Structures are given as C-alpha cells and as structure tokens.
N, C-alpha and C. Protein backbone atom coordinates (compact mmCIF):
# COMPACT_ATOMS: atom_id res chain seq x y z
N UNK A 1 22.33 15.13 -36.47
CA UNK A 1 21.08 15.93 -36.51
C UNK A 1 19.91 15.65 -36.88
N UNK A 2 19.19 16.53 -37.25
CA UNK A 2 17.58 15.98 -38.00
C UNK A 2 17.82 16.11 -39.15
N UNK A 3 18.41 17.27 -39.36
CA UNK A 3 17.98 17.24 -41.16
C UNK A 3 18.82 15.73 -41.60
N UNK A 4 20.16 15.31 -41.16
CA UNK A 4 20.69 13.80 -42.04
C UNK A 4 19.78 12.79 -41.42
N UNK A 5 19.36 12.64 -40.28
CA UNK A 5 18.07 11.89 -40.23
C UNK A 5 16.93 11.87 -41.63
N UNK A 6 16.23 12.85 -41.71
CA UNK A 6 15.58 12.91 -42.72
C UNK A 6 15.49 12.38 -44.15
N UNK A 7 16.62 11.47 -44.50
CA UNK A 7 17.12 11.65 -45.88
C UNK A 7 17.68 10.12 -45.87
N UNK A 8 17.79 9.09 -44.03
CA UNK A 8 17.88 8.54 -44.01
C UNK A 8 16.54 7.20 -44.66
N UNK A 9 16.94 5.62 -45.38
CA UNK A 9 16.30 5.49 -45.83
C UNK A 9 16.16 4.22 -44.12
N UNK A 10 15.58 4.41 -43.18
CA UNK A 10 14.77 3.67 -42.40
C UNK A 10 14.14 2.06 -43.06
N UNK A 11 13.79 2.18 -44.20
CA UNK A 11 13.58 0.03 -43.91
C UNK A 11 14.71 -0.29 -44.07
N UNK A 12 15.56 0.34 -45.42
CA UNK A 12 17.03 -0.77 -44.97
C UNK A 12 17.83 -0.37 -44.07
N UNK A 13 18.39 0.25 -43.07
CA UNK A 13 18.93 0.01 -41.63
C UNK A 13 17.95 -0.56 -40.90
N UNK A 14 17.01 -1.10 -40.81
CA UNK A 14 16.19 -2.09 -39.63
C UNK A 14 16.63 -3.41 -40.47
N UNK A 15 16.15 -3.86 -42.03
CA UNK A 15 18.03 -4.83 -42.08
C UNK A 15 18.41 -5.56 -42.65
N UNK A 16 19.47 -4.07 -42.48
CA UNK A 16 20.51 -4.52 -42.13
C UNK A 16 20.63 -4.37 -40.36
N UNK A 17 19.82 -3.62 -39.86
CA UNK A 17 20.37 -4.23 -38.34
C UNK A 17 19.97 -6.19 -38.09
N UNK A 18 19.07 -6.79 -38.45
CA UNK A 18 18.73 -7.61 -38.29
C UNK A 18 19.90 -8.65 -39.37
N UNK A 19 20.58 -8.45 -40.21
CA UNK A 19 21.38 -9.32 -40.94
C UNK A 19 22.38 -8.85 -39.42
N UNK A 20 23.32 -7.83 -38.87
CA UNK A 20 24.10 -8.01 -37.89
C UNK A 20 24.05 -8.38 -36.89
N UNK A 21 21.70 -8.95 -36.60
CA UNK A 21 21.83 -9.85 -35.44
C UNK A 21 22.17 -11.35 -35.94
N UNK A 22 21.47 -11.17 -37.01
CA UNK A 22 22.69 -12.94 -37.53
C UNK A 22 23.41 -13.43 -37.23
N UNK A 23 24.09 -12.40 -37.92
CA UNK A 23 25.75 -12.96 -38.09
C UNK A 23 26.80 -12.69 -36.44
N UNK A 24 26.27 -12.31 -35.39
CA UNK A 24 26.12 -11.97 -33.85
C UNK A 24 25.60 -13.01 -33.70
N UNK A 25 24.92 -13.95 -33.79
CA UNK A 25 24.08 -15.23 -33.30
C UNK A 25 24.98 -16.29 -33.80
N UNK A 26 25.21 -15.79 -35.03
CA UNK A 26 26.37 -16.87 -35.63
C UNK A 26 27.69 -16.84 -35.44
N UNK A 27 27.64 -16.08 -34.54
CA UNK A 27 29.32 -16.15 -34.75
C UNK A 27 29.08 -17.14 -32.66
N UNK A 28 28.29 -16.92 -32.04
CA UNK A 28 27.91 -17.93 -30.55
C UNK A 28 28.62 -19.52 -31.46
N UNK A 29 28.14 -20.33 -32.05
CA UNK A 29 28.31 -21.34 -32.61
C UNK A 29 30.35 -21.85 -32.50
N UNK A 30 30.45 -21.93 -32.18
CA UNK A 30 31.87 -22.81 -32.63
C UNK A 30 33.18 -22.56 -33.42
N UNK A 31 31.85 -23.58 -34.30
CA UNK A 31 32.77 -24.54 -35.05
C UNK A 31 31.73 -23.70 -36.39
N UNK A 32 31.37 -22.30 -36.65
CA UNK A 32 31.08 -21.41 -37.20
C UNK A 32 31.81 -19.83 -37.10
N UNK A 33 32.27 -19.55 -35.97
CA UNK A 33 33.11 -18.53 -36.21
C UNK A 33 34.30 -18.86 -36.54
N UNK A 34 35.09 -19.99 -36.14
CA UNK A 34 36.18 -20.14 -36.43
C UNK A 34 36.91 -21.41 -37.76
N UNK A 35 35.66 -21.82 -38.05
CA UNK A 35 35.57 -22.25 -39.63
C UNK A 35 36.53 -23.58 -39.69
N UNK A 36 35.87 -24.12 -39.02
CA UNK A 36 36.80 -25.36 -38.36
C UNK A 36 36.56 -26.57 -39.60
N UNK A 37 36.30 -26.56 -40.36
CA UNK A 37 35.79 -27.33 -41.89
C UNK A 37 36.24 -26.56 -42.98
N UNK A 38 37.37 -27.50 -43.53
CA UNK A 38 38.26 -27.35 -44.19
C UNK A 38 37.67 -27.19 -45.79
N UNK A 39 36.33 -27.92 -45.85
CA UNK A 39 36.19 -28.31 -46.96
C UNK A 39 35.04 -27.17 -47.74
N UNK A 40 35.05 -25.89 -48.31
CA UNK A 40 34.43 -24.67 -49.09
C UNK A 40 32.07 -25.82 -48.12
N UNK A 41 32.09 -26.63 -49.66
CA UNK A 41 31.10 -27.39 -48.98
C UNK A 41 30.44 -28.06 -47.19
N UNK A 42 31.03 -28.39 -46.70
CA UNK A 42 30.95 -28.60 -45.25
C UNK A 42 30.72 -27.31 -44.65
N UNK A 43 32.25 -26.72 -44.93
CA UNK A 43 31.52 -25.09 -44.54
C UNK A 43 30.15 -24.58 -44.18
N UNK A 44 29.60 -24.55 -45.55
CA UNK A 44 28.09 -23.97 -45.86
C UNK A 44 27.30 -24.86 -44.74
N UNK A 45 27.13 -26.21 -45.33
CA UNK A 45 25.87 -27.19 -44.26
C UNK A 45 26.54 -27.21 -43.02
N UNK A 46 27.46 -26.87 -42.32
CA UNK A 46 27.63 -26.22 -40.84
C UNK A 46 26.92 -24.73 -40.55
N UNK A 47 26.77 -24.10 -41.70
CA UNK A 47 26.54 -22.73 -40.98
C UNK A 47 25.14 -22.90 -41.42
N UNK A 48 24.55 -23.42 -42.49
CA UNK A 48 22.93 -23.91 -42.67
C UNK A 48 22.59 -24.82 -41.50
N UNK A 49 22.86 -25.25 -40.65
CA UNK A 49 22.84 -26.07 -39.23
C UNK A 49 22.13 -25.45 -38.21
N UNK A 50 23.76 -24.33 -38.03
CA UNK A 50 23.61 -23.30 -37.21
C UNK A 50 21.98 -22.34 -37.47
N UNK A 51 22.15 -21.49 -38.45
CA UNK A 51 20.25 -21.23 -38.78
C UNK A 51 19.56 -22.35 -38.37
N UNK A 52 18.97 -23.23 -39.32
CA UNK A 52 18.40 -23.80 -38.39
C UNK A 52 17.85 -23.71 -36.82
N UNK A 53 18.94 -24.54 -36.11
CA UNK A 53 19.00 -23.82 -34.87
C UNK A 53 18.77 -22.60 -34.13
N UNK A 54 19.04 -21.56 -35.05
CA UNK A 54 18.60 -20.21 -34.46
C UNK A 54 17.92 -20.36 -34.72
N UNK A 55 17.02 -19.92 -36.06
CA UNK A 55 15.21 -19.90 -36.70
C UNK A 55 14.36 -21.12 -35.68
N UNK A 56 14.53 -22.06 -35.81
CA UNK A 56 13.47 -23.22 -35.10
C UNK A 56 13.56 -22.28 -33.37
N UNK A 57 11.88 -22.53 -32.52
CA UNK A 57 12.28 -22.53 -31.29
C UNK A 57 12.31 -23.77 -30.67
N UNK A 58 13.61 -24.08 -30.06
CA UNK A 58 13.85 -25.06 -28.93
C UNK A 58 13.48 -24.52 -27.79
C-alpha cells in the first residue's frame, strides 16, 4: 500500500537492485557459478576477471 512505500529508502533499494543484477551477471560465468577453483585466491581472481569482463565494453 501507499503508506508502506512512504517509509521506503529508495536509494538503498536502487543500490540493492544493482548488486543483485551484478550477481546475476556473475552467474553467467560457469567457473564462478560452480566454483571450479579449489583455492580461495584462485576463486577470487576468477571473480575479479569475470567482473572485468562485465564492466569493460567489449
């Protein structure tokens, strides 16, 4: 209802939506979604590489 929307923080909602979209895009990368890498450092590097591919206009 309208009264519940008045107390909603729209800026926080917008940021949350962007984060959810980023995770949805990250799940498109098979290695990141299934976590093929066993070591933490390798997995962090694959997530960073996937983020680079997402943010660069290729």
